[in-house]
Amino acid sequence: MNFYIQNYIQHTKCYTEYMKIKKPKLLILSIVFSQLAGFVGAFATTPAIPGWYSTLIKPNFNPPSWIFGPVWTALYTLMGISLYLVWSKGFHTKNVKPAVQLFVVHLVFNSLWSIAFFGLKNIALALLIIIILWTMIAYLIKLFWKINKKASYLLIPYILWVSFATVLNYSIWILN
């Protein structure tokens, strides 16, 4: 019995040490920074949904409007954790600085998509932006892989959602 208790304590200690966040302020900053892109996009998106967006012809696979908020909140959180895993390696560590810089630029494009699509009501421009955004996400996954594989895995749901959003954007452009 003593063996099992010691084994349990040893594994629990290893798990606790593994789960320990070494830089909690950086984690919070990374998540908040990522979420800010969503807040910027929401300023353009929210007013357009009941008006202009509701008048658009949409494909039959268009999800209900209420799903976008929770999905993007989760994605921005995953993006923030991913950024943290890379940034916590040290900004001046090999490959980290260009990866973090690209992350920042990609967040600008993320927000620009909402501004182009909902704010400017320019579906074609939004399509161009989302294609550039998708390319940046794919390259981010590659850069993050070299620094922290878990960070790159956390971006996979994001690129999948943006892939879907690209098809949706294209479809709306064609239909309207």
C-alpha atoms as a PDB file:
ATOM      1  CA  MET A   1       0.000   0.000   0.000  1.00  0.00           C
ATOM      2  CA  ASN A   2       2.831   2.367   0.864  1.00  0.00           C
ATOM      3  CA  PHE A   3       4.301   1.789  -2.631  1.00  0.00           C
ATOM      4  CA  TYR A   4       1.070   2.955  -4.274  1.00  0.00           C
ATOM      5  CA  ILE A   5       0.897   6.090  -2.130  1.00  0.00           C
ATOM      6  CA  GLN A   6       4.515   6.987  -2.877  1.00  0.00           C
ATOM      7  CA  ASN A   7       3.969   6.326  -6.578  1.00  0.00           C
ATOM      8  CA  TYR A   8       0.835   8.501  -6.554  1.00  0.00           C
ATOM      9  CA  ILE A   9       2.650  11.343  -4.766  1.00  0.00           C
ATOM     10  CA  GLN A  10       5.563  11.144  -7.210  1.00  0.00           C
ATOM     11  CA  HIS A  11       3.280  11.276 -10.251  1.00  0.00           C
ATOM     12  CA  THR A  12       1.162  14.055  -8.755  1.00  0.00           C
ATOM     13  CA  LYS A  13       4.287  16.089  -8.026  1.00  0.00           C
ATOM     14  CA  CYS A  14       5.542  15.617 -11.605  1.00  0.00           C
ATOM     15  CA  TYR A  15       2.151  16.598 -13.011  1.00  0.00           C
ATOM     16  CA  THR A  16       1.946  19.663 -10.780  1.00  0.00           C
ATOM     17  CA  GLU A  17       5.431  20.780 -11.771  1.00  0.00           C
ATOM     18  CA  TYR A  18       4.582  20.170 -15.423  1.00  0.00           C
ATOM     19  CA  MET A  19       1.418  22.275 -15.177  1.00  0.00           C
ATOM     20  CA  LYS A  20       3.118  25.114 -13.322  1.00  0.00           C
ATOM     21  CA  ILE A  21       2.998  28.340 -15.304  1.00  0.00           C
ATOM     22  CA  LYS A  22       6.407  29.960 -15.103  1.00  0.00           C
ATOM     23  CA  LYS A  23       5.358  33.394 -16.372  1.00  0.00           C
ATOM     24  CA  PRO A  24       1.683  33.956 -15.483  1.00  0.00           C
ATOM     25  CA  LYS A  25       1.748  37.680 -16.342  1.00  0.00           C
ATOM     26  CA  LEU A  26       3.051  36.874 -19.812  1.00  0.00           C
ATOM     27  CA  LEU A  27       0.301  34.273 -20.250  1.00  0.00           C
ATOM     28  CA  ILE A  28      -2.388  36.789 -19.293  1.00  0.00           C
ATOM     29  CA  LEU A  29      -0.822  39.459 -21.520  1.00  0.00           C
ATOM     30  CA  SER A  30      -0.676  37.022 -24.463  1.00  0.00           C
ATOM     31  CA  ILE A  31      -4.326  36.031 -24.103  1.00  0.00           C
ATOM     32  CA  VAL A  32      -5.549  39.613 -23.589  1.00  0.00           C
ATOM     33  CA  PHE A  33      -3.464  40.799 -26.550  1.00  0.00           C
ATOM     34  CA  SER A  34      -5.021  38.138 -28.777  1.00  0.00           C
ATOM     35  CA  GLN A  35      -8.520  38.913 -27.520  1.00  0.00           C
ATOM     36  CA  LEU A  36      -7.996  42.595 -28.396  1.00  0.00           C
ATOM     37  CA  ALA A  37      -8.054  41.677 -32.079  1.00  0.00           C
ATOM     38  CA  GLY A  38     -11.518  40.260 -31.480  1.00  0.00           C
ATOM     39  CA  PHE A  39     -12.660  43.412 -29.713  1.00  0.00           C
ATOM     40  CA  VAL A  40     -11.419  45.572 -32.596  1.00  0.00           C
ATOM     41  CA  GLY A  41     -13.212  43.337 -35.086  1.00  0.00           C
ATOM     42  CA  ALA A  42     -16.390  43.359 -32.999  1.00  0.00           C
ATOM     43  CA  PHE A  43     -16.669  47.156 -33.304  1.00  0.00           C
ATOM     44  CA  ALA A  44     -17.029  46.754 -37.071  1.00  0.00           C
ATOM     45  CA  THR A  45     -19.045  43.528 -36.924  1.00  0.00           C
ATOM     46  CA  THR A  46     -21.736  44.134 -34.319  1.00  0.00           C
ATOM     47  CA  PRO A  47     -23.538  47.088 -35.947  1.00  0.00           C
ATOM     48  CA  ALA A  48     -23.564  45.411 -39.396  1.00  0.00           C
ATOM     49  CA  ILE A  49     -25.167  42.100 -38.369  1.00  0.00           C
ATOM     50  CA  PRO A  50     -28.807  43.192 -37.922  1.00  0.00           C
ATOM     51  CA  GLY A  51     -28.670  45.460 -40.972  1.00  0.00           C
ATOM     52  CA  TRP A  52     -26.391  44.894 -43.947  1.00  0.00           C
ATOM     53  CA  TYR A  53     -25.280  41.338 -43.117  1.00  0.00           C
ATOM     54  CA  SER A  54     -28.840  40.108 -42.625  1.00  0.00           C
ATOM     55  CA  THR A  55     -29.700  41.241 -46.180  1.00  0.00           C
ATOM     56  CA  LEU A  56     -26.913  39.229 -47.822  1.00  0.00           C
ATOM     57  CA  ILE A  57     -27.615  35.990 -49.652  1.00  0.00           C
ATOM     58  CA  LYS A  58     -25.694  33.312 -47.772  1.00  0.00           C
ATOM     59  CA  PRO A  59     -24.891  29.701 -48.642  1.00  0.00           C
ATOM     60  CA  ASN A  60     -26.877  26.937 -46.955  1.00  0.00           C
ATOM     61  CA  PHE A  61     -23.836  25.988 -44.825  1.00  0.00           C
ATOM     62  CA  ASN A  62     -23.685  29.431 -43.213  1.00  0.00           C
ATOM     63  CA  PRO A  63     -23.755  28.913 -39.422  1.00  0.00           C
ATOM     64  CA  PRO A  64     -26.140  30.882 -37.214  1.00  0.00           C
ATOM     65  CA  SER A  65     -24.784  34.271 -36.152  1.00  0.00           C
ATOM     66  CA  TRP A  66     -24.708  33.365 -32.431  1.00  0.00           C
ATOM     67  CA  ILE A  67     -21.995  30.723 -33.008  1.00  0.00           C
ATOM     68  CA  PHE A  68     -19.313  33.177 -34.125  1.00  0.00           C
ATOM     69  CA  GLY A  69     -18.808  34.898 -30.750  1.00  0.00           C
ATOM     70  CA  PRO A  70     -18.095  31.757 -28.703  1.00  0.00           C
ATOM     71  CA  VAL A  71     -15.955  30.213 -31.452  1.00  0.00           C
ATOM     72  CA  TRP A  72     -13.814  33.319 -31.868  1.00  0.00           C
ATOM     73  CA  THR A  73     -13.455  33.761 -28.111  1.00  0.00           C
ATOM     74  CA  ALA A  74     -12.139  30.207 -27.834  1.00  0.00           C
ATOM     75  CA  LEU A  75      -9.861  30.658 -30.843  1.00  0.00           C
ATOM     76  CA  TYR A  76      -8.393  33.929 -29.537  1.00  0.00           C
ATOM     77  CA  THR A  77      -7.725  32.202 -26.209  1.00  0.00           C
ATOM     78  CA  LEU A  78      -5.931  29.319 -27.954  1.00  0.00           C
ATOM     79  CA  MET A  79      -3.978  31.839 -30.012  1.00  0.00           C
ATOM     80  CA  GLY A  80      -2.959  33.651 -26.832  1.00  0.00           C
ATOM     81  CA  ILE A  81      -1.785  30.454 -25.166  1.00  0.00           C
ATOM     82  CA  SER A  82       0.109  29.570 -28.332  1.00  0.00           C
ATOM     83  CA  LEU A  83       1.768  32.993 -28.342  1.00  0.00           C
ATOM     84  CA  TYR A  84       2.671  32.540 -24.672  1.00  0.00           C
ATOM     85  CA  LEU A  85       4.338  29.178 -25.308  1.00  0.00           C
ATOM     86  CA  VAL A  86       6.549  30.777 -27.940  1.00  0.00           C
ATOM     87  CA  TRP A  87       7.139  34.136 -26.279  1.00  0.00           C
ATOM     88  CA  SER A  88       8.017  32.524 -22.937  1.00  0.00           C
ATOM     89  CA  LYS A  89      11.090  30.973 -24.573  1.00  0.00           C
ATOM     90  CA  GLY A  90      12.587  34.480 -24.553  1.00  0.00           C
ATOM     91  CA  PHE A  91      11.965  37.208 -27.084  1.00  0.00           C
ATOM     92  CA  HIS A  92      15.604  37.248 -28.212  1.00  0.00           C
ATOM     93  CA  THR A  93      15.892  33.465 -28.463  1.00  0.00           C
ATOM     94  CA  LYS A  94      16.485  32.150 -31.985  1.00  0.00           C
ATOM     95  CA  ASN A  95      13.299  32.218 -34.102  1.00  0.00           C
ATOM     96  CA  VAL A  96      11.148  33.712 -31.308  1.00  0.00           C
ATOM     97  CA  LYS A  97      11.381  37.391 -32.259  1.00  0.00           C
ATOM     98  CA  PRO A  98      10.321  36.930 -35.923  1.00  0.00           C
ATOM     99  CA  ALA A  99       7.553  34.524 -34.860  1.00  0.00           C
ATOM    100  CA  VAL A 100       6.134  36.991 -32.320  1.00  0.00           C
ATOM    101  CA  GLN A 101       6.426  39.853 -34.824  1.00  0.00           C
ATOM    102  CA  LEU A 102       4.541  37.853 -37.464  1.00  0.00           C
ATOM    103  CA  PHE A 103       1.926  36.979 -34.843  1.00  0.00           C
ATOM    104  CA  VAL A 104       1.343  40.697 -34.224  1.00  0.00           C
ATOM    105  CA  VAL A 105       1.091  41.459 -37.964  1.00  0.00           C
ATOM    106  CA  HIS A 106      -1.285  38.541 -38.454  1.00  0.00           C
ATOM    107  CA  LEU A 107      -3.547  39.890 -35.676  1.00  0.00           C
ATOM    108  CA  VAL A 108      -3.729  43.179 -37.565  1.00  0.00           C
ATOM    109  CA  PHE A 109      -4.920  41.267 -40.651  1.00  0.00           C
ATOM    110  CA  ASN A 110      -7.358  39.334 -38.481  1.00  0.00           C
ATOM    111  CA  SER A 111      -8.952  42.612 -37.379  1.00  0.00           C
ATOM    112  CA  LEU A 112      -8.732  44.093 -40.876  1.00  0.00           C
ATOM    113  CA  TRP A 113     -10.898  41.292 -42.210  1.00  0.00           C
ATOM    114  CA  SER A 114     -13.796  42.322 -39.954  1.00  0.00           C
ATOM    115  CA  ILE A 115     -13.287  45.967 -40.842  1.00  0.00           C
ATOM    116  CA  ALA A 116     -13.258  45.205 -44.593  1.00  0.00           C
ATOM    117  CA  PHE A 117     -16.176  42.753 -44.540  1.00  0.00           C
ATOM    118  CA  PHE A 118     -18.526  44.305 -41.982  1.00  0.00           C
ATOM    119  CA  GLY A 119     -17.278  47.891 -41.649  1.00  0.00           C
ATOM    120  CA  LEU A 120     -16.539  48.712 -45.295  1.00  0.00           C
ATOM    121  CA  LYS A 121     -18.992  46.085 -46.591  1.00  0.00           C
ATOM    122  CA  ASN A 122     -16.360  45.144 -49.161  1.00  0.00           C
ATOM    123  CA  ILE A 123     -16.665  41.377 -49.577  1.00  0.00           C
ATOM    124  CA  ALA A 124     -13.974  41.146 -52.292  1.00  0.00           C
ATOM    125  CA  LEU A 125     -11.409  43.053 -50.211  1.00  0.00           C
ATOM    126  CA  ALA A 126     -12.268  40.877 -47.218  1.00  0.00           C
ATOM    127  CA  LEU A 127     -11.652  37.786 -49.368  1.00  0.00           C
ATOM    128  CA  LEU A 128      -8.200  39.057 -50.330  1.00  0.00           C
ATOM    129  CA  ILE A 129      -7.412  39.826 -46.677  1.00  0.00           C
ATOM    130  CA  ILE A 130      -8.558  36.415 -45.441  1.00  0.00           C
ATOM    131  CA  ILE A 131      -6.405  34.648 -48.054  1.00  0.00           C
ATOM    132  CA  ILE A 132      -3.394  36.647 -46.834  1.00  0.00           C
ATOM    133  CA  LEU A 133      -4.420  35.886 -43.235  1.00  0.00           C
ATOM    134  CA  TRP A 134      -4.666  32.138 -43.966  1.00  0.00           C
ATOM    135  CA  THR A 135      -1.177  32.219 -45.487  1.00  0.00           C
ATOM    136  CA  MET A 136       0.196  33.975 -42.408  1.00  0.00           C
ATOM    137  CA  ILE A 137      -1.443  31.441 -40.073  1.00  0.00           C
ATOM    138  CA  ALA A 138       0.069  28.553 -42.054  1.00  0.00           C
ATOM    139  CA  TYR A 139       3.492  30.175 -41.828  1.00  0.00           C
ATOM    140  CA  LEU A 140       2.986  30.879 -38.108  1.00  0.00           C
ATOM    141  CA  ILE A 141       2.265  27.197 -37.543  1.00  0.00           C
ATOM    142  CA  LYS A 142       5.538  26.372 -39.306  1.00  0.00           C
ATOM    143  CA  LEU A 143       7.505  28.973 -37.293  1.00  0.00           C
ATOM    144  CA  PHE A 144       5.920  27.975 -33.990  1.00  0.00           C
ATOM    145  CA  TRP A 145       6.663  24.289 -34.714  1.00  0.00           C
ATOM    146  CA  LYS A 146      10.407  25.097 -34.628  1.00  0.00           C
ATOM    147  CA  ILE A 147      10.046  26.749 -31.218  1.00  0.00           C
ATOM    148  CA  ASN A 148       7.288  24.814 -29.434  1.00  0.00           C
ATOM    149  CA  LYS A 149       5.270  22.059 -31.083  1.00  0.00           C
ATOM    150  CA  LYS A 150       2.338  22.498 -28.679  1.00  0.00           C
ATOM    151  CA  ALA A 151       2.111  26.150 -29.732  1.00  0.00           C
ATOM    152  CA  SER A 152       1.750  25.117 -33.357  1.00  0.00           C
ATOM    153  CA  TYR A 153      -0.884  22.485 -32.499  1.00  0.00           C
ATOM    154  CA  LEU A 154      -2.952  25.144 -30.722  1.00  0.00           C
ATOM    155  CA  LEU A 155      -3.210  27.071 -34.001  1.00  0.00           C
ATOM    156  CA  ILE A 156      -4.729  24.162 -35.944  1.00  0.00           C
ATOM    157  CA  PRO A 157      -8.353  24.857 -34.878  1.00  0.00           C
ATOM    158  CA  TYR A 158      -7.758  28.468 -35.906  1.00  0.00           C
ATOM    159  CA  ILE A 159      -6.544  27.643 -39.422  1.00  0.00           C
ATOM    160  CA  LEU A 160      -9.407  25.181 -39.840  1.00  0.00           C
ATOM    161  CA  TRP A 161     -11.952  27.843 -38.856  1.00  0.00           C
ATOM    162  CA  VAL A 162     -10.303  30.440 -41.108  1.00  0.00           C
ATOM    163  CA  SER A 163     -10.348  27.871 -43.938  1.00  0.00           C
ATOM    164  CA  PHE A 164     -14.095  27.529 -43.421  1.00  0.00           C
ATOM    165  CA  ALA A 165     -14.461  31.317 -43.156  1.00  0.00           C
ATOM    166  CA  THR A 166     -12.569  31.709 -46.444  1.00  0.00           C
ATOM    167  CA  VAL A 167     -14.986  29.367 -48.229  1.00  0.00           C
ATOM    168  CA  LEU A 168     -17.892  31.203 -46.602  1.00  0.00           C
ATOM    169  CA  ASN A 169     -16.470  34.617 -47.608  1.00  0.00           C
ATOM    170  CA  TYR A 170     -15.966  33.390 -51.192  1.00  0.00           C
ATOM    171  CA  SER A 171     -19.485  31.963 -51.329  1.00  0.00           C
ATOM    172  CA  ILE A 172     -21.054  35.184 -50.055  1.00  0.00           C
ATOM    173  CA  TRP A 173     -19.019  37.154 -52.606  1.00  0.00           C
ATOM    174  CA  ILE A 174     -20.244  34.922 -55.451  1.00  0.00           C
ATOM    175  CA  LEU A 175     -23.877  34.995 -54.262  1.00  0.00           C
ATOM    176  CA  ASN A 176     -23.963  38.762 -53.853  1.00  0.00           C
END
